[in-house]
PDB file of all heavy atoms in Angstrom:
ATOM      1  N   ILE A   1     109.365 122.352 101.330  1.00  0.00           N
ATOM      2  CA  ILE A   1     110.758 122.047 100.992  1.00  0.00           C
ATOM      3  C   ILE A   1     111.651 122.206 102.220  1.00  0.00           C
ATOM      4  O   ILE A   1     112.528 121.368 102.498  1.00  0.00           O
ATOM      5  CB  ILE A   1     111.234 122.952  99.849  1.00  0.00           C
ATOM      6  CG1 ILE A   1     110.421 122.655  98.581  1.00  0.00           C
ATOM      7  CG2 ILE A   1     112.719 122.761  99.586  1.00  0.00           C
ATOM      8  CD1 ILE A   1     110.635 123.642  97.469  1.00  0.00           C
ATOM      9  N   LYS A   2     111.421 123.280 102.974  1.00  0.00           N
ATOM     10  CA  LYS A   2     112.188 123.489 104.212  1.00  0.00           C
ATOM     11  C   LYS A   2     111.948 122.362 105.204  1.00  0.00           C
ATOM     12  O   LYS A   2     112.872 121.895 105.874  1.00  0.00           O
ATOM     13  CB  LYS A   2     111.803 124.830 104.837  1.00  0.00           C
ATOM     14  CG  LYS A   2     112.211 126.052 104.032  1.00  0.00           C
ATOM     15  CD  LYS A   2     111.711 127.328 104.691  1.00  0.00           C
ATOM     16  CE  LYS A   2     112.028 128.559 103.836  1.00  0.00           C
ATOM     17  NZ  LYS A   2     111.449 129.797 104.446  1.00  0.00           N
ATOM     18  N   ALA A   3     110.685 121.920 105.289  1.00  0.00           N
ATOM     19  CA  ALA A   3     110.340 120.838 106.215  1.00  0.00           C
ATOM     20  C   ALA A   3     111.063 119.553 105.827  1.00  0.00           C
ATOM     21  O   ALA A   3     111.549 118.811 106.693  1.00  0.00           O
ATOM     22  CB  ALA A   3     108.825 120.615 106.219  1.00  0.00           C
ATOM     23  N   GLY A   4     111.147 119.299 104.523  1.00  0.00           N
ATOM     24  CA  GLY A   4     111.854 118.110 104.054  1.00  0.00           C
ATOM     25  C   GLY A   4     113.318 118.128 104.461  1.00  0.00           C
ATOM     26  O   GLY A   4     113.862 117.118 104.937  1.00  0.00           O
ATOM     27  N   LYS A   5     113.968 119.269 104.296  1.00  0.00           N
ATOM     28  CA  LYS A   5     115.380 119.393 104.679  1.00  0.00           C
ATOM     29  C   LYS A   5     115.562 119.213 106.185  1.00  0.00           C
ATOM     30  O   LYS A   5     116.513 118.560 106.638  1.00  0.00           O
ATOM     31  CB  LYS A   5     115.909 120.764 104.248  1.00  0.00           C
ATOM     32  CG  LYS A   5     115.993 120.928 102.725  1.00  0.00           C
ATOM     33  CD  LYS A   5     116.470 122.318 102.341  1.00  0.00           C
ATOM     34  CE  LYS A   5     116.564 122.468 100.814  1.00  0.00           C
ATOM     35  NZ  LYS A   5     116.965 123.840 100.412  1.00  0.00           N
ATOM     36  N   THR A   6     114.631 119.777 106.956  1.00  0.00           N
ATOM     37  CA  THR A   6     114.701 119.636 108.414  1.00  0.00           C
ATOM     38  C   THR A   6     114.543 118.182 108.835  1.00  0.00           C
ATOM     39  O   THR A   6     115.265 117.683 109.715  1.00  0.00           O
ATOM     40  CB  THR A   6     113.595 120.493 109.088  1.00  0.00           C
ATOM     41  OG1 THR A   6     113.774 121.857 108.721  1.00  0.00           O
ATOM     42  CG2 THR A   6     113.651 120.354 110.598  1.00  0.00           C
ATOM     43  N   LEU A   7     113.609 117.469 108.203  1.00  0.00           N
ATOM     44  CA  LEU A   7     113.396 116.056 108.530  1.00  0.00           C
ATOM     45  C   LEU A   7     114.620 115.219 108.188  1.00  0.00           C
ATOM     46  O   LEU A   7     114.983 114.293 108.929  1.00  0.00           O
ATOM     47  CB  LEU A   7     112.170 115.521 107.779  1.00  0.00           C
ATOM     48  CG  LEU A   7     110.804 115.913 108.329  1.00  0.00           C
ATOM     49  CD1 LEU A   7     109.693 115.437 107.408  1.00  0.00           C
ATOM     50  CD2 LEU A   7     110.597 115.323 109.723  1.00  0.00           C
ATOM     51  N   THR A   8     115.283 115.542 107.069  1.00  0.00           N
ATOM     52  CA  THR A   8     116.493 114.813 106.694  1.00  0.00           C
ATOM     53  C   THR A   8     117.580 115.016 107.736  1.00  0.00           C
ATOM     54  O   THR A   8     118.279 114.067 108.132  1.00  0.00           O
ATOM     55  CB  THR A   8     116.990 115.270 105.309  1.00  0.00           C
ATOM     56  OG1 THR A   8     115.982 114.995 104.332  1.00  0.00           O
ATOM     57  CG2 THR A   8     118.271 114.552 104.926  1.00  0.00           C
ATOM     58  N   GLU A   9     117.710 116.246 108.218  1.00  0.00           N
ATOM     59  CA  GLU A   9     118.713 116.546 109.245  1.00  0.00           C
ATOM     60  C   GLU A   9     118.395 115.833 110.554  1.00  0.00           C
ATOM     61  O   GLU A   9     119.289 115.333 111.245  1.00  0.00           O
ATOM     62  CB  GLU A   9     118.778 118.053 109.492  1.00  0.00           C
ATOM     63  CG  GLU A   9     119.325 118.858 108.312  1.00  0.00           C
ATOM     64  CD  GLU A   9     119.165 120.353 108.510  1.00  0.00           C
ATOM     65  OE1 GLU A   9     118.621 120.748 109.567  1.00  0.00           O
ATOM     66  OE2 GLU A   9     119.570 121.125 107.614  1.00  0.00           O
ATOM     67  N   GLN A  10     117.101 115.771 110.915  1.00  0.00           N
ATOM     68  CA  GLN A  10     116.710 115.220 112.214  1.00  0.00           C
ATOM     69  C   GLN A  10     116.594 113.705 112.218  1.00  0.00           C
ATOM     70  O   GLN A  10     116.886 113.056 113.233  1.00  0.00           O
ATOM     71  CB  GLN A  10     115.380 115.833 112.652  1.00  0.00           C
ATOM     72  CG  GLN A  10     115.469 117.322 112.963  1.00  0.00           C
ATOM     73  CD  GLN A  10     114.117 117.914 113.333  1.00  0.00           C
ATOM     74  OE1 GLN A  10     113.066 117.287 113.139  1.00  0.00           O
ATOM     75  NE2 GLN A  10     114.121 119.129 113.865  1.00  0.00           N
ATOM     76  N   THR A  11     116.141 113.130 111.107  1.00  0.00           N
ATOM     77  CA  THR A  11     115.862 111.688 111.085  1.00  0.00           C
ATOM     78  C   THR A  11     116.712 110.911 110.092  1.00  0.00           C
ATOM     79  O   THR A  11     116.761 109.682 110.158  1.00  0.00           O
ATOM     80  CB  THR A  11     114.374 111.438 110.745  1.00  0.00           C
ATOM     81  OG1 THR A  11     114.139 111.818 109.377  1.00  0.00           O
ATOM     82  CG2 THR A  11     113.462 112.240 111.661  1.00  0.00           C
ATOM     83  N   GLY A  12     117.339 111.618 109.152  1.00  0.00           N
ATOM     84  CA  GLY A  12     118.128 110.939 108.128  1.00  0.00           C
ATOM     85  C   GLY A  12     117.313 110.454 106.944  1.00  0.00           C
ATOM     86  O   GLY A  12     117.857 109.873 106.009  1.00  0.00           O
ATOM     87  N   THR A  13     116.013 110.678 106.964  1.00  0.00           N
ATOM     88  CA  THR A  13     115.165 110.205 105.872  1.00  0.00           C
ATOM     89  C   THR A  13     115.514 110.894 104.559  1.00  0.00           C
ATOM     90  O   THR A  13     115.816 112.087 104.529  1.00  0.00           O
ATOM     91  CB  THR A  13     113.668 110.429 106.201  1.00  0.00           C
ATOM     92  OG1 THR A  13     112.876 109.812 105.183  1.00  0.00           O
ATOM     93  CG2 THR A  13     113.317 111.909 106.254  1.00  0.00           C
ATOM     94  N   GLN A  14     115.472 110.129 103.477  1.00  0.00           N
ATOM     95  CA  GLN A  14     115.722 110.679 102.134  1.00  0.00           C
ATOM     96  C   GLN A  14     114.441 110.728 101.314  1.00  0.00           C
ATOM     97  O   GLN A  14     114.377 111.408 100.299  1.00  0.00           O
ATOM     98  CB  GLN A  14     116.771 109.825 101.410  1.00  0.00           C
ATOM     99  CG  GLN A  14     118.136 109.800 102.098  1.00  0.00           C
ATOM    100  CD  GLN A  14     118.791 111.172 102.165  1.00  0.00           C
ATOM    101  OE1 GLN A  14     118.743 111.947 101.210  1.00  0.00           O
ATOM    102  NE2 GLN A  14     119.401 111.484 103.306  1.00  0.00           N
ATOM    103  N   TRP A  15     113.446 109.985 101.741  1.00  0.00           N
ATOM    104  CA  TRP A  15     112.130 109.997 101.112  1.00  0.00           C
ATOM    105  C   TRP A  15     111.150 110.682 102.045  1.00  0.00           C
ATOM    106  O   TRP A  15     111.310 110.656 103.276  1.00  0.00           O
ATOM    107  CB  TRP A  15     111.650 108.577 100.826  1.00  0.00           C
ATOM    108  CG  TRP A  15     112.425 107.873  99.738  1.00  0.00           C
ATOM    109  CD1 TRP A  15     113.540 108.335  99.097  1.00  0.00           C
ATOM    110  CD2 TRP A  15     112.144 106.588  99.195  1.00  0.00           C
ATOM    111  NE1 TRP A  15     113.971 107.428  98.180  1.00  0.00           N
ATOM    112  CE2 TRP A  15     113.133 106.330  98.204  1.00  0.00           C
ATOM    113  CE3 TRP A  15     111.169 105.634  99.414  1.00  0.00           C
ATOM    114  CZ2 TRP A  15     113.158 105.160  97.467  1.00  0.00           C
ATOM    115  CZ3 TRP A  15     111.185 104.454  98.677  1.00  0.00           C
ATOM    116  CH2 TRP A  15     112.172 104.233  97.709  1.00  0.00           C
ATOM    117  N   TYR A  16     110.112 111.259 101.460  1.00  0.00           N
ATOM    118  CA  TYR A  16     109.134 112.021 102.248  1.00  0.00           C
ATOM    119  C   TYR A  16     107.711 111.617 101.858  1.00  0.00           C
ATOM    120  O   TYR A  16     107.435 111.336 100.689  1.00  0.00           O
ATOM    121  CB  TYR A  16     109.305 113.526 102.014  1.00  0.00           C
ATOM    122  CG  TYR A  16     110.749 113.979 102.046  1.00  0.00           C
ATOM    123  CD1 TYR A  16     111.470 114.136 100.856  1.00  0.00           C
ATOM    124  CD2 TYR A  16     111.390 114.221 103.244  1.00  0.00           C
ATOM    125  CE1 TYR A  16     112.788 114.536 100.871  1.00  0.00           C
ATOM    126  CE2 TYR A  16     112.717 114.622 103.273  1.00  0.00           C
ATOM    127  CZ  TYR A  16     113.416 114.773 102.080  1.00  0.00           C
ATOM    128  OH  TYR A  16     114.733 115.151 102.108  1.00  0.00           O
ATOM    129  N   VAL A  17     106.836 111.602 102.842  1.00  0.00           N
ATOM    130  CA  VAL A  17     105.426 111.324 102.585  1.00  0.00           C
ATOM    131  C   VAL A  17     104.665 112.636 102.721  1.00  0.00           C
ATOM    132  O   VAL A  17     104.767 113.320 103.749  1.00  0.00           O
ATOM    133  CB  VAL A  17     104.860 110.283 103.566  1.00  0.00           C
ATOM    134  CG1 VAL A  17     103.429 109.915 103.175  1.00  0.00           C
ATOM    135  CG2 VAL A  17     105.744 109.044 103.593  1.00  0.00           C
ATOM    136  N   VAL A  18     103.926 112.999 101.673  1.00  0.00           N
ATOM    137  CA  VAL A  18     103.142 114.236 101.664  1.00  0.00           C
ATOM    138  C   VAL A  18     101.687 113.864 101.924  1.00  0.00           C
ATOM    139  O   VAL A  18     101.083 113.124 101.135  1.00  0.00           O
ATOM    140  CB  VAL A  18     103.271 114.979 100.317  1.00  0.00           C
ATOM    141  CG1 VAL A  18     102.539 116.318 100.376  1.00  0.00           C
ATOM    142  CG2 VAL A  18     104.745 115.180  99.965  1.00  0.00           C
ATOM    143  N   LYS A  19     101.125 114.371 103.025  1.00  0.00           N
ATOM    144  CA  LYS A  19      99.778 113.967 103.446  1.00  0.00           C
ATOM    145  C   LYS A  19      98.861 115.178 103.576  1.00  0.00           C
ATOM    146  O   LYS A  19      99.171 116.133 104.300  1.00  0.00           O
ATOM    147  CB  LYS A  19      99.831 113.252 104.799  1.00  0.00           C
ATOM    148  CG  LYS A  19     100.664 111.983 104.818  1.00  0.00           C
ATOM    149  CD  LYS A  19     100.561 111.348 106.194  1.00  0.00           C
ATOM    150  CE  LYS A  19     101.263 110.012 106.262  1.00  0.00           C
ATOM    151  NZ  LYS A  19     101.051 109.360 107.571  1.00  0.00           N
ATOM    152  N   ALA A  20      97.729 115.112 102.893  1.00  0.00           N
ATOM    153  CA  ALA A  20      96.714 116.154 103.042  1.00  0.00           C
ATOM    154  C   ALA A  20      96.153 116.113 104.460  1.00  0.00           C
ATOM    155  O   ALA A  20      95.880 115.037 104.993  1.00  0.00           O
ATOM    156  CB  ALA A  20      95.586 115.934 102.035  1.00  0.00           C
ATOM    157  N   GLN A  21      95.984 117.286 105.071  1.00  0.00           N
ATOM    158  CA  GLN A  21      95.432 117.374 106.419  1.00  0.00           C
ATOM    159  C   GLN A  21      93.990 117.871 106.346  1.00  0.00           C
ATOM    160  O   GLN A  21      93.720 119.075 106.314  1.00  0.00           O
ATOM    161  CB  GLN A  21      96.295 118.294 107.285  1.00  0.00           C
ATOM    162  CG  GLN A  21      97.715 117.797 107.477  1.00  0.00           C
ATOM    163  CD  GLN A  21      97.787 116.472 108.208  1.00  0.00           C
ATOM    164  OE1 GLN A  21      97.618 116.391 109.417  1.00  0.00           O
ATOM    165  NE2 GLN A  21      98.031 115.384 107.460  1.00  0.00           N
ATOM    166  N   VAL A  22      93.080 116.920 106.260  1.00  0.00           N
ATOM    167  CA  VAL A  22      91.648 117.221 106.273  1.00  0.00           C
ATOM    168  C   VAL A  22      90.984 116.255 107.240  1.00  0.00           C
ATOM    169  O   VAL A  22      91.514 115.173 107.526  1.00  0.00           O
ATOM    170  CB  VAL A  22      91.000 117.089 104.873  1.00  0.00           C
ATOM    171  CG1 VAL A  22      91.568 118.120 103.906  1.00  0.00           C
ATOM    172  CG2 VAL A  22      91.168 115.677 104.322  1.00  0.00           C
ATOM    173  N   HIS A  23      89.804 116.645 107.730  1.00  0.00           N
ATOM    174  CA  HIS A  23      89.074 115.783 108.659  1.00  0.00           C
ATOM    175  C   HIS A  23      88.254 114.764 107.878  1.00  0.00           C
ATOM    176  O   HIS A  23      87.035 114.855 107.773  1.00  0.00           O
ATOM    177  CB  HIS A  23      88.167 116.625 109.562  1.00  0.00           C
ATOM    178  CG  HIS A  23      88.919 117.487 110.519  1.00  0.00           C
ATOM    179  ND1 HIS A  23      88.337 118.502 111.242  1.00  0.00           N
ATOM    180  CD2 HIS A  23      90.230 117.499 110.873  1.00  0.00           C
ATOM    181  CE1 HIS A  23      89.250 119.094 111.998  1.00  0.00           C
ATOM    182  NE2 HIS A  23      90.403 118.500 111.784  1.00  0.00           N
ATOM    183  N   ALA A  24      88.931 113.790 107.312  1.00  0.00           N
ATOM    184  CA  ALA A  24      88.265 112.730 106.551  1.00  0.00           C
ATOM    185  C   ALA A  24      89.225 111.576 106.356  1.00  0.00           C
ATOM    186  O   ALA A  24      90.438 111.774 106.211  1.00  0.00           O
ATOM    187  CB  ALA A  24      87.780 113.244 105.199  1.00  0.00           C
ATOM    188  N   GLY A  25      88.680 110.368 106.364  1.00  0.00           N
ATOM    189  CA  GLY A  25      89.489 109.189 106.101  1.00  0.00           C
ATOM    190  C   GLY A  25      89.541 108.891 104.606  1.00  0.00           C
ATOM    191  O   GLY A  25      88.888 109.546 103.802  1.00  0.00           O
ATOM    192  N   GLY A  26      90.337 107.894 104.255  1.00  0.00           N
ATOM    193  CA  GLY A  26      90.446 107.509 102.851  1.00  0.00           C
ATOM    194  C   GLY A  26      91.202 108.496 102.002  1.00  0.00           C
ATOM    195  O   GLY A  26      90.995 108.575 100.784  1.00  0.00           O
ATOM    196  N   ARG A  27      92.123 109.252 102.626  1.00  0.00           N
ATOM    197  CA  ARG A  27      92.849 110.295 101.886  1.00  0.00           C
ATOM    198  C   ARG A  27      93.722 109.712 100.786  1.00  0.00           C
ATOM    199  O   ARG A  27      93.859 110.298  99.711  1.00  0.00           O
ATOM    200  CB  ARG A  27      93.702 111.122 102.856  1.00  0.00           C
ATOM    201  CG  ARG A  27      92.905 111.954 103.831  1.00  0.00           C
ATOM    202  CD  ARG A  27      93.808 112.549 104.901  1.00  0.00           C
ATOM    203  NE  ARG A  27      94.427 111.504 105.707  1.00  0.00           N
ATOM    204  CZ  ARG A  27      95.481 111.693 106.503  1.00  0.00           C
ATOM    205  NH1 ARG A  27      96.043 112.888 106.571  1.00  0.00           N
ATOM    206  NH2 ARG A  27      95.975 110.692 107.208  1.00  0.00           N
ATOM    207  N   GLY A  28      94.321 108.557 101.061  1.00  0.00           N
ATOM    208  CA  GLY A  28      95.198 107.946 100.064  1.00  0.00           C
ATOM    209  C   GLY A  28      94.453 107.576  98.804  1.00  0.00           C
ATOM    210  O   GLY A  28      94.945 107.783  97.690  1.00  0.00           O
ATOM    211  N   LYS A  29      93.242 107.037  98.963  1.00  0.00           N
ATOM    212  CA  LYS A  29      92.443 106.643  97.801  1.00  0.00           C
ATOM    213  C   LYS A  29      92.038 107.848  96.965  1.00  0.00           C
ATOM    214  O   LYS A  29      91.823 107.741  95.765  1.00  0.00           O
ATOM    215  CB  LYS A  29      91.197 105.883  98.273  1.00  0.00           C
ATOM    216  CG  LYS A  29      91.508 104.561  98.952  1.00  0.00           C
ATOM    217  CD  LYS A  29      90.241 103.890  99.455  1.00  0.00           C
ATOM    218  CE  LYS A  29      90.558 102.577 100.176  1.00  0.00           C
ATOM    219  NZ  LYS A  29      89.328 101.955 100.727  1.00  0.00           N
ATOM    220  N   GLY A  30      91.937 109.016  97.610  1.00  0.00           N
ATOM    221  CA  GLY A  30      91.533 110.218  96.888  1.00  0.00           C
ATOM    222  C   GLY A  30      92.703 111.009  96.323  1.00  0.00           C
ATOM    223  O   GLY A  30      92.505 112.086  95.764  1.00  0.00           O
TER     224      GLY A  30
END
């Protein structure tokens, strides 16, 4: 949540993409 607020302040973005950080491709499909 804090990261989202920081990104809004720095970039103006109102939408956020939440991405799992694992060493594997095809994360979106999973």
